Amino acid sequence: MAKAAAGHATRAMSRDIYPRDRKKARRFSAPMNRTQKPEAAGVESDAPVRPTEFTTAGLPLPTQFSAFRGAYRGVFDMHLERVSAGGFPVRQDVWNLGRVILVSAHLPGPQHVFGLCHSRSTTLDHWYALVKCGDASPEAPAEPIHLSFHCLADPFQTEIGASRLLVAFIPRDIFPFGFDFEAIRDRPLDSGAGLLLMDFLVILNRRLPRLRLSELAGLPSAVRGLLALHGTSPPAHQGAARNAIDVRLLERAKRLIDRKIEAPDLSPGSLAEELFVSRSRLYRAFEAFGGVSVYIRRQRLLRTREALADASDTRSILRIAEQWGFADASVFSRAFRSEFGVSPSAVRRAGWMGGDHQRERNAIVERSQEASLEQLLRQLRS
């Protein structure tokens, strides 16, 4: 009886992840609707929330996995580990919720295991919650829902044999002030507050077809509140008012850094002067990132990685490093390896060797007119 009840609960949870009401879903091949962002549309908008739908149904069987992989270009790299006959059938919804991007995928399951790792060419540094449901092998018993957190800017790889997948992409500035990122980095969150967040994402996905844009205004606050249960709360004397002020300062400073990232004189001192705040207050706003200097260096390293992985960029590694403020080749190489776990030359070789494959993958994407998940995620920066 207990096993039967557990199996029924697991199947019920799987149904929650994939709502059956799909009449209003648009095809993934349709142009991305940029007005779905609640901030842009305004909280007064009464338009329904609609996903962008992607499916490999109808594609030639040998190209189905390539089409699925192409939909994640610039975000994840994938390769097949184990596959059975019948192609790679996928049904997927991408929900643009403004400050959160939710991907809900129905995968072929344990007969089609694939490896997933972060794209080395990405400059994105968003975090994401990965929710798996399904078996890792056909012999294994039903696996319960599993939640883990990862950062796109960090090296990470895993195998996926799940039949259901939820991925919630979350920008750093949604996390509460003073959040302890090490408490969740690449770790399973399968108890306590982790279960609350997992249940929230599952229920949110289930209810989205019946929600309107005006009802999503409080979504960032809801996510921030659940994340606060995992990290370190700010000291009591700072209070909610100080927290809100520092968040606004952080947003202003990040926009300014993005505009001046190539300026050789960009520094905590010049930022504080232009923002009319003290250096100590500016550091406090960036404390969760390790400080202002660490944040600036990371953004510059992300841009060097993007250039190095670009097969069309034939400049030397040193010239690319100099563009982003690294005049010393050895210092740059050490910083790059420390940040990404690989050398600049390894990323350069991977970019050049993967040029033909990338063009082939892009051609598949262009032929099917798929919208770019990477482009959606870049909008989360603003």
Protein backbone atom coordinates (compact mmCIF):
# COMPACT_ATOMS: atom_id res chain seq x y z
CA MET A 1 0.00 0.00 0.00
CA ALA A 2 2.79 2.41 0.91
CA LYS A 3 4.61 1.80 -2.38
CA ALA A 4 1.40 2.27 -4.34
CA ALA A 5 0.70 5.56 -2.56
CA ALA A 6 4.25 6.76 -3.18
CA GLY A 7 3.98 5.89 -6.86
CA HIS A 8 0.65 7.70 -7.12
CA ALA A 9 2.19 10.80 -5.48
CA THR A 10 5.12 10.76 -7.88
CA ARG A 11 2.82 10.48 -10.91
CA ALA A 12 0.66 13.30 -9.53
CA MET A 13 3.72 15.50 -9.11
CA SER A 14 4.79 14.73 -12.69
CA ARG A 15 1.36 15.79 -13.94
CA ASP A 16 1.74 19.03 -11.99
CA ILE A 17 4.94 19.82 -13.88
CA TYR A 18 3.27 19.43 -17.26
CA PRO A 19 -0.17 21.09 -17.44
CA ARG A 20 -2.53 19.60 -19.99
CA ASP A 21 -4.08 22.91 -20.92
CA ARG A 22 -1.84 23.75 -23.90
CA LYS A 23 -4.41 25.30 -26.23
CA LYS A 24 -2.99 28.78 -25.78
CA ALA A 25 0.65 27.76 -26.10
CA ARG A 26 2.54 29.20 -29.06
CA ARG A 27 4.98 27.16 -31.08
CA PHE A 28 8.66 27.58 -30.32
CA SER A 29 9.16 28.45 -33.97
CA ALA A 30 7.06 31.59 -33.56
CA PRO A 31 8.91 34.90 -32.94
CA MET A 32 9.61 35.53 -29.27
CA ASN A 33 7.03 37.85 -27.74
CA ARG A 34 9.09 40.59 -26.10
CA THR A 35 6.01 42.20 -24.52
CA GLN A 36 5.50 39.30 -22.13
CA LYS A 37 7.88 40.86 -19.64
CA PRO A 38 5.77 42.13 -16.71
CA GLU A 39 8.03 45.12 -16.11
CA ALA A 40 7.69 46.22 -19.72
CA ALA A 41 3.99 45.55 -20.00
CA GLY A 42 3.17 47.07 -16.64
CA VAL A 43 1.36 45.43 -13.76
CA GLU A 44 -1.96 46.76 -15.07
CA SER A 45 -1.77 44.48 -18.12
CA ASP A 46 -4.46 41.82 -18.13
CA ALA A 47 -2.92 39.74 -20.91
CA PRO A 48 -2.63 36.01 -20.24
CA VAL A 49 0.81 34.49 -19.72
CA ARG A 50 1.69 32.32 -22.69
CA PRO A 51 4.71 30.07 -23.20
CA THR A 52 6.84 29.60 -26.27
CA GLU A 53 6.54 25.94 -27.20
CA PHE A 54 9.26 23.79 -28.72
CA THR A 55 8.90 20.22 -30.00
CA THR A 56 11.03 17.87 -32.04
CA ALA A 57 7.92 16.11 -33.35
CA GLY A 58 7.82 16.18 -37.12
CA LEU A 59 11.59 16.51 -37.53
CA PRO A 60 13.60 13.67 -39.11
CA LEU A 61 14.61 11.25 -36.34
CA PRO A 62 18.40 11.65 -36.82
CA THR A 63 18.14 15.45 -36.39
CA GLN A 64 15.89 15.58 -33.33
CA PHE A 65 18.64 15.64 -30.71
CA SER A 66 20.61 18.23 -32.72
CA ALA A 67 17.52 20.47 -32.80
CA PHE A 68 17.04 20.06 -29.05
CA ARG A 69 20.73 20.82 -28.42
CA GLY A 70 20.56 23.83 -30.73
CA ALA A 71 17.75 25.35 -28.67
CA TYR A 72 20.24 25.69 -25.77
CA ARG A 73 23.19 27.05 -27.74
CA GLY A 74 25.22 29.54 -25.72
CA VAL A 75 23.75 28.21 -22.46
CA PHE A 76 24.32 24.44 -22.25
CA ASP A 77 26.39 22.01 -24.29
CA MET A 78 24.93 18.50 -24.65
CA HIS A 79 25.93 15.10 -25.98
CA LEU A 80 24.13 11.76 -26.06
CA GLU A 81 25.32 9.12 -23.59
CA ARG A 82 22.74 6.43 -24.32
CA VAL A 83 19.97 6.33 -26.90
CA SER A 84 17.41 3.82 -28.10
CA ALA A 85 15.58 3.71 -31.41
CA GLY A 86 12.94 6.31 -32.15
CA GLY A 87 14.81 9.61 -32.32
CA PHE A 88 14.74 12.11 -29.44
CA PRO A 89 11.12 13.23 -28.84
CA VAL A 90 10.89 16.40 -26.75
CA ARG A 91 8.08 18.74 -25.79
CA GLN A 92 9.10 21.95 -24.04
CA ASP A 93 7.64 25.26 -22.85
CA VAL A 94 9.71 28.40 -22.19
CA TRP A 95 7.92 30.87 -19.90
CA ASN A 96 9.25 34.44 -19.94
CA LEU A 97 8.17 35.72 -16.51
CA GLY A 98 10.17 38.95 -16.63
CA ARG A 99 12.70 38.45 -13.85
CA VAL A 100 12.57 34.65 -14.00
CA ILE A 101 12.77 32.35 -17.04
CA LEU A 102 11.10 28.97 -16.48
CA VAL A 103 11.75 26.05 -18.84
CA SER A 104 9.44 23.04 -18.57
CA ALA A 105 10.51 20.01 -20.61
CA HIS A 106 9.02 16.59 -21.28
CA LEU A 107 11.97 14.36 -22.23
CA PRO A 108 12.14 10.81 -23.66
CA GLY A 109 13.33 9.45 -20.31
CA PRO A 110 15.93 6.90 -19.14
CA GLN A 111 16.24 5.27 -22.56
CA HIS A 112 17.83 8.48 -23.87
CA VAL A 113 20.44 9.66 -21.36
CA PHE A 114 22.38 12.78 -22.33
CA GLY A 115 25.25 14.69 -20.79
CA LEU A 116 24.83 18.38 -20.00
CA CYS A 117 27.47 20.97 -19.13
CA HIS A 118 27.71 24.75 -19.08
CA SER A 119 28.73 26.37 -22.35
CA ARG A 120 32.32 27.58 -22.18
CA SER A 121 31.50 30.49 -24.46
CA THR A 122 28.76 32.01 -22.32
CA THR A 123 29.11 35.36 -20.55
CA LEU A 124 25.99 34.72 -18.48
CA ASP A 125 26.37 34.43 -14.72
CA HIS A 126 22.76 33.71 -13.74
CA TRP A 127 21.89 30.98 -11.28
CA TYR A 128 19.31 28.32 -12.01
CA ALA A 129 17.30 25.76 -10.10
CA LEU A 130 17.32 22.33 -11.76
CA VAL A 131 14.39 20.04 -10.91
CA LYS A 132 14.57 16.45 -12.15
CA CYS A 133 11.81 13.86 -12.08
CA GLY A 134 12.22 10.36 -13.48
CA ASP A 135 14.54 7.36 -13.50
CA ALA A 136 18.25 7.50 -14.26
CA SER A 137 18.08 3.94 -15.62
CA PRO A 138 15.31 1.60 -16.71
CA GLU A 139 16.14 -0.81 -13.87
CA ALA A 140 15.99 1.80 -11.09
CA PRO A 141 12.81 2.38 -9.11
CA ALA A 142 10.89 5.63 -9.50
CA GLU A 143 13.15 8.51 -8.45
CA PRO A 144 11.62 11.31 -6.39
CA ILE A 145 11.75 14.95 -7.44
CA HIS A 146 15.31 16.31 -7.10
CA LEU A 147 16.35 19.99 -6.81
CA SER A 148 19.83 21.48 -7.15
CA PHE A 149 21.27 24.97 -7.77
CA HIS A 150 24.04 25.94 -10.18
CA CYS A 151 25.67 29.06 -11.65
CA LEU A 152 26.09 29.31 -15.44
CA ALA A 153 29.49 30.98 -15.03
CA ASP A 154 30.95 28.00 -13.11
CA PRO A 155 32.09 24.67 -14.60
CA PHE A 156 29.42 22.01 -14.09
CA GLN A 157 28.35 18.80 -15.79
CA THR A 158 25.73 16.15 -15.13
CA GLU A 159 23.84 13.33 -16.82
CA ILE A 160 20.10 13.57 -17.38
CA GLY A 161 17.88 10.56 -17.86
CA ALA A 162 14.78 12.16 -16.40
CA SER A 163 11.44 12.15 -18.13
CA ARG A 164 10.48 15.52 -16.65
CA LEU A 165 12.65 18.61 -16.18
CA LEU A 166 12.10 22.10 -14.78
CA VAL A 167 14.79 24.77 -15.04
CA ALA A 168 14.23 28.17 -13.39
CA PHE A 169 16.83 30.78 -14.40
CA ILE A 170 17.28 33.49 -11.76
CA PRO A 171 19.50 36.61 -12.02
CA ARG A 172 21.85 37.32 -9.14
CA ASP A 173 20.11 40.51 -8.06
CA ILE A 174 16.95 38.58 -7.12
CA PHE A 175 18.88 36.83 -4.36
CA PRO A 176 18.54 38.46 -0.93
CA PHE A 177 21.23 40.87 0.20
CA GLY A 178 24.04 39.03 1.99
CA PHE A 179 23.04 35.68 0.48
CA ASP A 180 25.49 32.83 1.05
CA PHE A 181 25.88 31.38 -2.46
CA GLU A 182 28.17 28.61 -1.20
CA ALA A 183 25.21 27.20 0.76
CA ILE A 184 23.52 26.15 -2.50
CA ARG A 185 26.29 25.92 -5.13
CA ASP A 186 26.08 22.54 -6.95
CA ARG A 187 24.32 20.94 -4.00
CA PRO A 188 21.06 18.99 -3.78
CA LEU A 189 18.36 20.75 -1.77
CA ASP A 190 16.09 17.86 -0.89
CA SER A 191 14.84 18.78 2.57
CA GLY A 192 13.34 21.67 4.52
CA ALA A 193 13.37 24.95 2.62
CA GLY A 194 14.56 23.19 -0.54
CA LEU A 195 11.31 21.23 -0.69
CA LEU A 196 9.33 24.46 -0.26
CA LEU A 197 11.08 26.07 -3.21
CA MET A 198 10.71 22.92 -5.30
CA ASP A 199 6.98 22.73 -4.54
CA PHE A 200 6.62 26.42 -5.40
CA LEU A 201 8.22 25.95 -8.84
CA VAL A 202 6.11 22.87 -9.58
CA ILE A 203 2.86 24.60 -8.59
CA LEU A 204 3.85 27.80 -10.42
CA ASN A 205 4.40 25.83 -13.61
CA ARG A 206 1.06 24.09 -13.18
CA ARG A 207 -0.85 27.35 -12.68
CA LEU A 208 0.89 29.49 -15.31
CA PRO A 209 -1.61 28.71 -18.12
CA ARG A 210 -4.32 30.30 -15.98
CA LEU A 211 -2.36 33.36 -14.81
CA ARG A 212 -2.17 36.86 -16.26
CA LEU A 213 0.73 39.30 -16.42
CA SER A 214 -0.78 41.48 -13.72
CA GLU A 215 -0.61 38.54 -11.31
CA LEU A 216 3.16 38.09 -11.72
CA ALA A 217 4.25 41.43 -10.27
CA GLY A 218 5.09 39.84 -6.91
CA LEU A 219 6.95 36.84 -8.35
CA PRO A 220 10.51 38.21 -7.73
CA SER A 221 9.63 38.95 -4.10
CA ALA A 222 8.19 35.45 -3.64
CA VAL A 223 11.30 33.82 -5.08
CA ARG A 224 13.56 36.08 -3.01
CA GLY A 225 11.68 35.13 0.16
CA LEU A 226 12.07 31.41 -0.48
CA LEU A 227 15.75 31.80 -1.34
CA ALA A 228 16.30 33.71 1.91
CA LEU A 229 15.55 30.49 3.80
CA HIS A 230 18.77 28.98 2.36
CA GLY A 231 21.24 31.83 2.69
CA THR A 232 22.51 34.18 5.34
CA SER A 233 20.17 36.94 6.43
CA PRO A 234 21.64 40.45 6.82
CA PRO A 235 22.35 41.65 10.36
CA ALA A 236 19.30 42.89 12.19
CA HIS A 237 20.61 46.44 12.60
CA GLN A 238 20.68 46.97 8.83
CA GLY A 239 16.93 46.50 8.57
CA ALA A 240 14.67 46.23 5.57
CA ALA A 241 15.13 49.88 4.58
CA ARG A 242 18.91 49.55 4.33
CA ASN A 243 18.49 46.35 2.35
CA ALA A 244 16.22 48.04 -0.20
CA ILE A 245 18.59 51.01 -0.56
CA ASP A 246 21.58 48.74 -1.17
CA VAL A 247 19.66 46.72 -3.77
CA ARG A 248 18.87 49.90 -5.71
CA LEU A 249 22.49 51.02 -5.45
CA LEU A 250 23.64 47.60 -6.68
CA GLU A 251 21.42 47.84 -9.75
CA ARG A 252 22.70 51.34 -10.58
CA ALA A 253 26.32 50.31 -10.09
CA LYS A 254 25.97 47.18 -12.27
CA ARG A 255 24.52 49.22 -15.12
CA LEU A 256 27.38 51.71 -14.82
CA ILE A 257 29.98 48.91 -14.78
CA ASP A 258 28.41 47.37 -17.89
CA ARG A 259 28.73 50.70 -19.75
CA LYS A 260 32.33 51.32 -18.65
CA ILE A 261 33.66 47.77 -18.55
CA GLU A 262 36.35 48.53 -21.18
CA ALA A 263 37.56 51.70 -19.45
CA PRO A 264 41.08 51.11 -18.05
CA ASP A 265 40.42 53.46 -15.12
CA LEU A 266 37.28 51.63 -13.95
CA SER A 267 37.72 51.03 -10.23
CA PRO A 268 35.76 51.01 -6.95
CA GLY A 269 36.94 54.55 -6.33
CA SER A 270 35.79 55.92 -9.69
CA LEU A 271 32.44 54.14 -9.34
CA ALA A 272 31.86 55.49 -5.84
CA GLU A 273 32.67 59.00 -7.05
CA GLU A 274 30.29 58.80 -10.00
CA LEU A 275 27.51 57.28 -7.90
CA PHE A 276 28.02 59.84 -5.10
CA VAL A 277 28.43 57.19 -2.39
CA SER A 278 31.26 56.15 -0.11
CA ARG A 279 33.49 53.22 -1.01
CA SER A 280 32.40 51.36 2.12
CA ARG A 281 28.75 51.65 1.15
CA LEU A 282 29.53 50.52 -2.40
CA TYR A 283 31.44 47.51 -1.06
CA ARG A 284 28.50 46.61 1.15
CA ALA A 285 26.22 46.53 -1.91
CA PHE A 286 28.62 44.11 -3.67
CA GLU A 287 29.47 42.04 -0.59
CA ALA A 288 27.58 39.00 -1.91
CA PHE A 289 29.85 39.06 -5.00
CA GLY A 290 33.05 39.30 -2.98
CA GLY A 291 33.37 43.06 -3.40
CA VAL A 292 33.40 45.58 -6.25
CA SER A 293 36.84 44.66 -7.62
CA VAL A 294 35.98 40.96 -7.72
CA TYR A 295 32.74 41.69 -9.57
CA ILE A 296 34.48 43.89 -12.16
CA ARG A 297 37.21 41.32 -12.74
CA ARG A 298 34.63 38.55 -13.18
CA GLN A 299 32.69 40.56 -15.77
CA ARG A 300 35.88 41.23 -17.71
CA LEU A 301 36.90 37.56 -17.56
CA LEU A 302 33.46 36.53 -18.84
CA ARG A 303 33.93 38.82 -21.84
CA THR A 304 37.39 37.46 -22.58
CA ARG A 305 35.94 33.94 -22.49
CA GLU A 306 33.25 34.93 -24.98
CA ALA A 307 35.86 36.37 -27.37
CA LEU A 308 38.20 33.38 -27.01
CA ALA A 309 35.39 30.94 -27.84
CA ASP A 310 34.43 32.93 -30.95
CA ALA A 311 35.99 31.14 -33.92
CA SER A 312 35.70 34.33 -36.02
CA ASP A 313 37.86 36.36 -33.58
CA THR A 314 41.43 35.79 -34.79
CA ARG A 315 43.17 38.15 -32.37
CA SER A 316 45.84 36.75 -30.09
CA ILE A 317 44.95 35.81 -26.53
CA LEU A 318 47.05 38.70 -25.24
CA ARG A 319 45.24 41.26 -27.44
CA ILE A 320 41.87 40.01 -26.21
CA ALA A 321 43.07 40.15 -22.62
CA GLU A 322 44.38 43.70 -23.08
CA GLN A 323 41.02 44.87 -24.42
CA TRP A 324 39.44 43.94 -21.10
CA GLY A 325 42.10 45.40 -18.85
CA PHE A 326 44.58 42.51 -18.42
CA ALA A 327 47.99 43.81 -19.51
CA ASP A 328 50.03 40.94 -17.99
CA ALA A 329 49.59 37.60 -19.78
CA SER A 330 50.59 35.45 -16.78
CA VAL A 331 48.27 37.33 -14.41
CA PHE A 332 45.41 36.97 -16.89
CA SER A 333 46.06 33.24 -17.39
CA ARG A 334 46.06 32.57 -13.64
CA ALA A 335 42.89 34.61 -13.08
CA PHE A 336 41.14 32.89 -16.00
CA ARG A 337 42.03 29.39 -14.83
CA SER A 338 41.04 30.22 -11.26
CA GLU A 339 37.65 31.52 -12.42
CA PHE A 340 36.70 28.88 -15.00
CA GLY A 341 38.89 25.86 -14.26
CA VAL A 342 40.44 25.83 -17.75
CA SER A 343 43.19 27.79 -19.48
CA PRO A 344 42.51 30.57 -22.03
CA SER A 345 44.28 28.53 -24.73
CA ALA A 346 41.97 25.55 -24.07
CA VAL A 347 38.90 27.73 -24.60
CA ARG A 348 40.47 29.17 -27.76
CA ARG A 349 41.15 25.68 -29.16
CA ALA A 350 37.63 24.51 -28.32
CA GLY A 351 36.17 27.56 -30.06
CA TRP A 352 38.22 27.07 -33.22
CA MET A 353 37.66 23.31 -33.37
CA GLY A 354 33.95 23.74 -32.77
CA GLY A 355 33.45 26.33 -35.49
CA ASP A 356 32.05 23.94 -38.11
CA HIS A 357 29.85 22.21 -35.57
CA GLN A 358 28.54 25.55 -34.31
CA ARG A 359 27.66 26.68 -37.84
CA GLU A 360 25.86 23.39 -38.47
CA ARG A 361 23.94 23.71 -35.23
CA ASN A 362 23.02 27.33 -35.97
CA ALA A 363 21.79 26.29 -39.41
CA ILE A 364 19.40 23.78 -37.84
CA VAL A 365 18.14 26.48 -35.50
CA GLU A 366 17.67 28.96 -38.34
CA ARG A 367 15.83 26.43 -40.50
CA SER A 368 13.33 25.69 -37.74
CA GLN A 369 13.20 29.41 -36.74
CA GLU A 370 13.70 28.60 -33.08
CA ALA A 371 13.84 31.50 -30.67
CA SER A 372 17.00 31.91 -28.63
CA LEU A 373 16.93 31.00 -24.97
CA GLU A 374 20.33 32.67 -24.64
CA GLN A 375 18.86 35.98 -25.83
CA LEU A 376 16.07 35.74 -23.26
CA LEU A 377 18.59 35.11 -20.49
CA ARG A 378 20.67 38.12 -21.56
CA GLN A 379 17.61 40.30 -20.99
CA LEU A 380 17.68 39.27 -17.31
CA ARG A 381 20.80 41.44 -16.91
CA SER A 382 18.80 44.66 -17.22
